Amino acid sequence: RSTQGSSVAKIFKLTAANTGKNEKQLNAMGMELDKDYKVTMIHPDSHAGYYPGAKTLSLKVIFEKGSGKILGAQAVGKKGVDKRIDVLATAINFGATVYDLEEIELCYAPPYSSAKDPVNMSGYYGENILSGTIDNILYTQLKDMNENQQILDVRTEEEVEEGSIDGAINIPVDELRERLGELDKSKEYIVSCLVGVRANTACRILLQNGFKNVKILAGGYTSYSVLNKNYSI
């Protein structure tokens, strides 16, 4: 039935794996980001964070904008990379969508995974995008920002002092409700935190308080830092 390009490689302490189409291939086929396909980018732990030995992994899932059909996935990290891509390779082979990823039941025990596996989390994130609950923007798109767009960093002041995105304003998520008056509702806000969890909460706060143009920075400052060689997995 042809090949979908599943592959894995060990690079010193890291594992990198891939299946299906990547963005470069989709663009060569005439497909465009936001118009034809969307992307989720998450940086979860390889297993439950309270159990010793958890390591961050980065997981990217690409899916059709209309149907949610999974087109490709890539991951890199020290632990748990190959099994997530194996699951996603199987999902692609059977024509699964991000909605299927929400429902897929995977083995759970703290040494091996989280109650909501990274594969499930990618599904939840994708469903939020398709349902219109929240939209996202990739770190690679920041270079195309215009004067009506503003990055809002909702991490703590201490986190921001260790590094931030140029031009971002900082309002910690715990202070956001009390400081909404500092923000211009006519602007489009790109909300960032460390990996996206707090940014999702902040986006919901903004949307429920009359802000119309709000997007999450996919993968948060972690994705941005990798692009700028300022972060190590």
Protein backbone atom coordinates (compact mmCIF):
# COMPACT_ATOMS: atom_id res chain seq x y z
CA ARG A 1 0.00 0.00 0.00
CA SER A 2 3.00 2.30 -0.61
CA THR A 3 5.00 3.95 2.19
CA GLN A 4 4.23 6.81 4.57
CA GLY A 5 7.85 7.50 5.54
CA SER A 6 7.91 6.31 9.14
CA SER A 7 11.45 6.57 10.52
CA VAL A 8 13.38 6.89 13.76
CA ALA A 9 16.98 7.76 14.60
CA LYS A 10 19.13 8.02 17.72
CA ILE A 11 21.26 11.17 17.83
CA PHE A 12 23.52 10.99 20.87
CA LYS A 13 21.04 11.18 23.81
CA LEU A 14 18.09 12.24 21.66
CA THR A 15 15.63 10.25 19.60
CA ALA A 16 13.96 11.81 16.56
CA ALA A 17 11.07 10.15 14.73
CA ASN A 18 8.72 11.00 11.88
CA THR A 19 5.73 9.60 10.01
CA GLY A 20 3.57 10.84 7.16
CA LYS A 21 3.97 14.20 5.45
CA ASN A 22 5.89 17.14 6.86
CA GLU A 23 5.16 20.81 6.15
CA LYS A 24 7.79 21.10 3.42
CA GLN A 25 6.22 18.21 1.54
CA LEU A 26 2.71 19.61 1.96
CA ASN A 27 3.81 23.02 0.71
CA ALA A 28 5.42 21.37 -2.32
CA MET A 29 2.03 19.73 -2.99
CA GLY A 30 0.37 23.15 -3.01
CA MET A 31 -1.13 22.94 0.48
CA GLU A 32 -0.91 26.02 2.71
CA LEU A 33 -0.76 26.40 6.48
CA ASP A 34 -4.03 27.72 7.97
CA LYS A 35 -5.82 27.39 4.61
CA ASP A 36 -5.47 23.63 4.00
CA TYR A 37 -3.85 22.23 7.13
CA LYS A 38 -3.20 23.07 10.76
CA VAL A 39 -0.48 22.09 13.22
CA THR A 40 -0.37 21.26 16.91
CA MET A 41 2.91 21.61 18.81
CA ILE A 42 3.23 20.38 22.39
CA HIS A 43 6.09 19.75 24.83
CA PRO A 44 4.79 17.24 27.39
CA ASP A 45 6.72 14.99 29.76
CA SER A 46 7.48 11.47 28.57
CA HIS A 47 5.57 10.12 31.58
CA ALA A 48 3.83 11.45 34.70
CA GLY A 49 5.87 14.38 36.00
CA TYR A 50 5.65 13.31 39.65
CA TYR A 51 7.33 9.98 38.86
CA PRO A 52 11.16 10.21 38.72
CA GLY A 53 12.90 10.29 35.37
CA ALA A 54 10.36 12.14 33.21
CA LYS A 55 11.90 13.92 30.22
CA THR A 56 10.43 16.58 27.95
CA LEU A 57 9.52 15.51 24.46
CA SER A 58 8.40 17.72 21.59
CA LEU A 59 5.52 16.45 19.44
CA LYS A 60 4.17 18.04 16.27
CA VAL A 61 1.03 16.75 14.57
CA ILE A 62 -0.21 18.01 11.18
CA PHE A 63 -3.84 17.53 10.14
CA GLU A 64 -6.31 18.63 7.46
CA LYS A 65 -8.15 21.80 8.38
CA GLY A 66 -11.58 20.57 7.33
CA SER A 67 -11.73 16.90 8.20
CA GLY A 68 -9.10 16.72 10.94
CA LYS A 69 -7.46 13.79 9.13
CA ILE A 70 -3.90 13.28 10.39
CA LEU A 71 -1.34 13.98 7.67
CA GLY A 72 1.95 13.64 9.53
CA ALA A 73 3.78 13.83 12.84
CA GLN A 74 7.28 14.45 14.13
CA ALA A 75 8.78 14.12 17.60
CA VAL A 76 12.10 14.53 19.34
CA GLY A 77 13.20 13.88 22.92
CA LYS A 78 15.11 11.58 25.24
CA LYS A 79 12.31 9.17 26.16
CA GLY A 80 8.96 8.03 24.79
CA VAL A 81 9.41 9.40 21.27
CA ASP A 82 9.28 6.17 19.25
CA LYS A 83 6.11 4.83 20.85
CA ARG A 84 4.17 8.07 20.24
CA ILE A 85 5.16 8.14 16.58
CA ASP A 86 4.34 4.43 16.25
CA VAL A 87 0.82 5.16 17.53
CA LEU A 88 0.46 8.08 15.12
CA ALA A 89 1.86 6.04 12.22
CA THR A 90 -0.84 3.44 12.89
CA ALA A 91 -3.47 6.18 13.11
CA ILE A 92 -2.40 7.60 9.74
CA ASN A 93 -2.43 4.15 8.18
CA PHE A 94 -6.10 3.74 9.14
CA GLY A 95 -7.12 7.27 8.12
CA ALA A 96 -7.68 8.52 11.67
CA THR A 97 -8.48 12.11 12.62
CA VAL A 98 -7.60 14.28 15.60
CA TYR A 99 -11.04 13.39 16.97
CA ASP A 100 -9.91 9.76 17.06
CA LEU A 101 -6.76 10.76 18.94
CA GLU A 102 -8.95 12.25 21.69
CA GLU A 103 -10.64 8.89 22.22
CA ILE A 104 -7.78 6.43 21.71
CA GLU A 105 -7.09 4.43 24.89
CA LEU A 106 -3.39 3.86 25.55
CA CYS A 107 -1.59 2.05 28.38
CA TYR A 108 -1.19 4.16 31.50
CA ALA A 109 0.99 3.87 34.56
CA PRO A 110 3.10 6.73 35.99
CA PRO A 111 6.48 5.26 34.91
CA TYR A 112 5.30 5.00 31.29
CA SER A 113 2.86 7.78 30.48
CA SER A 114 0.42 10.35 31.82
CA ALA A 115 -3.30 9.79 32.34
CA LYS A 116 -3.75 11.97 29.26
CA ASP A 117 -1.04 10.74 26.91
CA PRO A 118 0.73 13.23 24.60
CA VAL A 119 -1.10 11.55 21.70
CA ASN A 120 -4.44 12.33 23.40
CA MET A 121 -3.30 15.88 24.13
CA SER A 122 -2.55 16.45 20.45
CA GLY A 123 -6.09 15.33 19.70
CA TYR A 124 -7.64 17.69 22.26
CA TYR A 125 -5.57 20.57 20.91
CA GLY A 126 -6.54 19.77 17.31
CA GLU A 127 -10.23 19.51 18.19
CA ASN A 128 -10.08 22.92 19.89
CA ILE A 129 -8.71 24.42 16.68
CA LEU A 130 -11.28 22.75 14.41
CA SER A 131 -14.21 23.63 16.68
CA GLY A 132 -13.17 27.28 16.82
CA THR A 133 -12.59 27.19 20.57
CA ILE A 134 -9.09 28.58 20.04
CA ASP A 135 -6.71 29.12 17.13
CA ASN A 136 -2.92 29.04 17.09
CA ILE A 137 0.05 30.50 15.28
CA LEU A 138 3.43 28.82 14.77
CA TYR A 139 6.70 30.32 15.95
CA THR A 140 7.86 30.33 12.31
CA GLN A 141 5.04 32.79 11.52
CA LEU A 142 6.19 35.42 14.02
CA LYS A 143 8.48 36.96 11.42
CA ASP A 144 5.37 37.98 9.44
CA MET A 145 3.69 39.86 12.30
CA ASN A 146 2.17 43.27 11.58
CA GLU A 147 1.71 46.37 13.75
CA ASN A 148 -1.80 45.29 14.78
CA GLN A 149 -0.48 42.08 16.38
CA GLN A 150 0.94 41.92 19.91
CA ILE A 151 2.62 39.04 21.74
CA LEU A 152 1.31 38.63 25.29
CA ASP A 153 3.56 36.57 27.57
CA VAL A 154 1.59 35.19 30.52
CA ARG A 155 4.51 33.58 32.37
CA THR A 156 5.74 34.91 35.70
CA GLU A 157 8.11 37.87 35.86
CA GLU A 158 10.88 35.54 37.07
CA GLU A 159 10.47 33.32 34.01
CA VAL A 160 10.48 36.30 31.66
CA GLU A 161 13.72 37.59 33.17
CA GLU A 162 15.41 34.37 32.02
CA GLY A 163 14.39 35.00 28.42
CA SER A 164 11.50 36.35 26.37
CA ILE A 165 10.32 37.02 22.83
CA ASP A 166 11.31 40.42 21.44
CA GLY A 167 8.46 42.93 21.67
CA ALA A 168 6.30 40.83 24.01
CA ILE A 169 4.43 42.39 26.90
CA ASN A 170 4.18 40.48 30.18
CA ILE A 171 1.04 40.01 32.26
CA PRO A 172 1.14 36.81 34.34
CA VAL A 173 -1.96 34.69 33.83
CA ASP A 174 -2.87 34.94 37.53
CA GLU A 175 -3.07 38.75 37.17
CA LEU A 176 -4.76 38.85 33.77
CA ARG A 177 -8.38 39.32 34.89
CA GLU A 178 -7.44 42.36 37.01
CA ARG A 179 -5.27 43.90 34.27
CA LEU A 180 -7.47 43.51 31.17
CA GLY A 181 -7.78 47.30 31.03
CA GLU A 182 -4.12 47.50 29.98
CA LEU A 183 -4.89 45.71 26.71
CA ASP A 184 -6.33 47.16 23.49
CA LYS A 185 -9.29 45.10 22.27
CA SER A 186 -8.71 46.24 18.68
CA LYS A 187 -5.39 44.36 18.52
CA GLU A 188 -4.77 40.70 17.77
CA TYR A 189 -3.04 39.03 20.72
CA ILE A 190 -0.67 36.09 20.31
CA VAL A 191 -0.55 34.54 23.77
CA SER A 192 2.54 32.67 24.93
CA CYS A 193 3.65 30.84 28.07
CA LEU A 194 6.29 28.13 28.50
CA VAL A 195 4.58 25.32 26.56
CA GLY A 196 0.98 26.47 25.97
CA VAL A 197 -1.07 25.37 29.01
CA ARG A 198 -1.30 28.77 30.71
CA ALA A 199 -1.67 30.45 27.32
CA ASN A 200 -4.81 28.40 26.69
CA THR A 201 -6.28 29.60 30.00
CA ALA A 202 -5.33 33.19 29.16
CA CYS A 203 -6.93 32.96 25.71
CA ARG A 204 -10.19 31.73 27.23
CA ILE A 205 -10.14 34.66 29.67
CA LEU A 206 -9.59 37.15 26.85
CA LEU A 207 -12.23 35.66 24.56
CA GLN A 208 -14.81 35.62 27.34
CA ASN A 209 -14.10 39.28 28.07
CA GLY A 210 -14.75 40.67 24.62
CA PHE A 211 -11.41 40.21 22.87
CA LYS A 212 -12.09 38.98 19.32
CA ASN A 213 -8.65 38.25 17.86
CA VAL A 214 -6.72 35.88 20.10
CA LYS A 215 -4.34 33.04 19.21
CA ILE A 216 -2.02 30.73 21.12
CA LEU A 217 1.65 30.59 20.18
CA ALA A 218 1.96 26.86 19.48
CA GLY A 219 4.44 25.31 21.88
CA GLY A 220 4.97 28.64 23.63
CA TYR A 221 8.38 30.04 24.52
CA THR A 222 9.85 26.53 24.39
CA SER A 223 9.23 26.28 20.63
CA TYR A 224 10.49 29.82 20.11
CA SER A 225 13.64 29.09 22.12
CA VAL A 226 14.43 25.99 20.07
CA LEU A 227 14.16 28.05 16.88
CA ASN A 228 16.55 30.61 18.34
CA LYS A 229 18.95 27.96 19.74
CA ASN A 230 18.23 29.11 23.25
CA TYR A 231 16.83 25.92 24.72
CA SER A 232 17.91 22.32 25.11
CA ILE A 233 15.61 19.30 25.45
